[in-house]
C-alpha atoms as a PDB file:
ATOM      1  CA  MET A   1      77.694  38.947  17.307  1.00  0.00           C
ATOM      2  CA  GLU A   2      76.447  40.549  14.116  1.00  0.00           C
ATOM      3  CA  ASN A   3      72.703  40.865  13.628  1.00  0.00           C
ATOM      4  CA  ILE A   4      71.740  39.438  10.244  1.00  0.00           C
ATOM      5  CA  THR A   5      68.340  40.285   8.804  1.00  0.00           C
ATOM      6  CA  ILE A   6      66.797  37.527   6.732  1.00  0.00           C
ATOM      7  CA  SER A   7      64.628  38.853   3.914  1.00  0.00           C
ATOM      8  CA  ASN A   8      62.460  35.733   3.981  1.00  0.00           C
ATOM      9  CA  PRO A   9      62.650  33.810   7.259  1.00  0.00           C
ATOM     10  CA  PHE A  10      60.749  30.902   5.690  1.00  0.00           C
ATOM     11  CA  LYS A  11      63.710  30.030   3.465  1.00  0.00           C
ATOM     12  CA  VAL A  12      65.569  28.534   6.438  1.00  0.00           C
ATOM     13  CA  LEU A  13      62.850  25.942   7.073  1.00  0.00           C
ATOM     14  CA  SER A  14      63.396  22.317   6.121  1.00  0.00           C
ATOM     15  CA  LYS A  15      61.124  20.634   3.599  1.00  0.00           C
ATOM     16  CA  ARG A  16      59.238  18.855   6.397  1.00  0.00           C
ATOM     17  CA  GLU A  17      58.867  22.098   8.373  1.00  0.00           C
ATOM     18  CA  LYS A  18      57.426  23.768   5.277  1.00  0.00           C
ATOM     19  CA  GLU A  19      54.887  20.955   4.933  1.00  0.00           C
ATOM     20  CA  VAL A  20      53.839  21.401   8.563  1.00  0.00           C
ATOM     21  CA  LEU A  21      53.790  25.182   8.117  1.00  0.00           C
ATOM     22  CA  GLN A  22      51.333  24.965   5.222  1.00  0.00           C
ATOM     23  CA  LEU A  23      48.963  22.853   7.292  1.00  0.00           C
ATOM     24  CA  ILE A  24      49.254  25.190  10.282  1.00  0.00           C
ATOM     25  CA  LEU A  25      48.474  28.147   8.021  1.00  0.00           C
ATOM     26  CA  GLN A  26      45.366  26.297   6.835  1.00  0.00           C
ATOM     27  CA  GLY A  27      44.236  26.069  10.455  1.00  0.00           C
ATOM     28  CA  VAL A  28      44.838  22.331  10.848  1.00  0.00           C
ATOM     29  CA  GLN A  29      45.389  21.253  14.462  1.00  0.00           C
ATOM     30  CA  VAL A  30      48.552  19.430  15.577  1.00  0.00           C
ATOM     31  CA  LYS A  31      46.695  16.146  16.207  1.00  0.00           C
ATOM     32  CA  ASP A  32      45.191  16.259  12.717  1.00  0.00           C
ATOM     33  CA  ILE A  33      48.536  17.120  11.116  1.00  0.00           C
ATOM     34  CA  SER A  34      50.107  14.168  12.918  1.00  0.00           C
ATOM     35  CA  ALA A  35      47.385  11.846  11.618  1.00  0.00           C
ATOM     36  CA  ALA A  36      47.693  13.188   8.055  1.00  0.00           C
ATOM     37  CA  MET A  37      51.482  12.888   8.046  1.00  0.00           C
ATOM     38  CA  ASP A  38      51.503   9.611  10.013  1.00  0.00           C
ATOM     39  CA  LEU A  39      53.761  11.103  12.688  1.00  0.00           C
ATOM     40  CA  LYS A  40      53.401  11.415  16.454  1.00  0.00           C
ATOM     41  CA  SER A  41      51.837  14.590  17.833  1.00  0.00           C
ATOM     42  CA  ASN A  42      55.056  15.257  19.754  1.00  0.00           C
ATOM     43  CA  THR A  43      56.983  15.231  16.472  1.00  0.00           C
ATOM     44  CA  ILE A  44      54.608  17.761  14.929  1.00  0.00           C
ATOM     45  CA  SER A  45      54.817  19.901  18.072  1.00  0.00           C
ATOM     46  CA  THR A  46      58.608  19.825  17.750  1.00  0.00           C
ATOM     47  CA  PHE A  47      58.365  20.910  14.106  1.00  0.00           C
ATOM     48  CA  LYS A  48      56.004  23.707  15.137  1.00  0.00           C
ATOM     49  CA  LYS A  49      58.357  24.933  17.877  1.00  0.00           C
ATOM     50  CA  SER A  50      61.219  24.906  15.391  1.00  0.00           C
ATOM     51  CA  ILE A  51      59.164  26.864  12.841  1.00  0.00           C
ATOM     52  CA  LEU A  52      58.248  29.484  15.444  1.00  0.00           C
ATOM     53  CA  SER A  53      61.856  29.749  16.597  1.00  0.00           C
ATOM     54  CA  LYS A  54      63.352  29.983  13.106  1.00  0.00           C
ATOM     55  CA  THR A  55      60.846  32.620  11.979  1.00  0.00           C
ATOM     56  CA  GLY A  56      61.141  34.606  15.210  1.00  0.00           C
ATOM     57  CA  VAL A  57      57.457  34.572  16.150  1.00  0.00           C
ATOM     58  CA  ARG A  58      55.742  33.429  19.344  1.00  0.00           C
ATOM     59  CA  ASN A  59      52.409  31.985  18.229  1.00  0.00           C
ATOM     60  CA  ASN A  60      50.180  31.013  15.308  1.00  0.00           C
ATOM     61  CA  ILE A  61      48.737  34.511  14.947  1.00  0.00           C
ATOM     62  CA  GLU A  62      52.177  36.071  14.518  1.00  0.00           C
ATOM     63  CA  LEU A  63      53.139  33.210  12.200  1.00  0.00           C
ATOM     64  CA  PHE A  64      50.068  33.835  10.048  1.00  0.00           C
ATOM     65  CA  LYS A  65      50.764  37.587   9.885  1.00  0.00           C
ATOM     66  CA  LEU A  66      54.374  36.945   8.898  1.00  0.00           C
ATOM     67  CA  ALA A  67      53.241  34.476   6.246  1.00  0.00           C
ATOM     68  CA  GLN A  68      50.860  37.102   4.881  1.00  0.00           C
ATOM     69  CA  GLU A  69      53.709  39.610   4.669  1.00  0.00           C
ATOM     70  CA  HIS A  70      55.657  37.086   2.600  1.00  0.00           C
ATOM     71  CA  ASN A  71      52.671  36.218   0.401  1.00  0.00           C
ATOM     72  CA  LEU A  72      52.360  32.646   1.651  1.00  0.00           C
ATOM     73  CA  VAL A  73      48.664  33.155   2.450  1.00  0.00           C
ATOM     74  CA  LYS A  74      46.004  35.508   1.189  1.00  0.00           C
END
């Protein structure tokens, strides 16, 4: 299998995942994101797991650092 490097791993996220991502990057907790988006906490957790998987990071700290590298946060 060929290893493909993605210049911006955030481009592969769905629109909904990007919405969840922005709230995560603002420090909003899963339960609060679920209330704001009128979705179940399990759904938001699934989005979060997908975001982490697609971007290749393991936790919110790595996600935040990666977002900084791609100028998504200051």
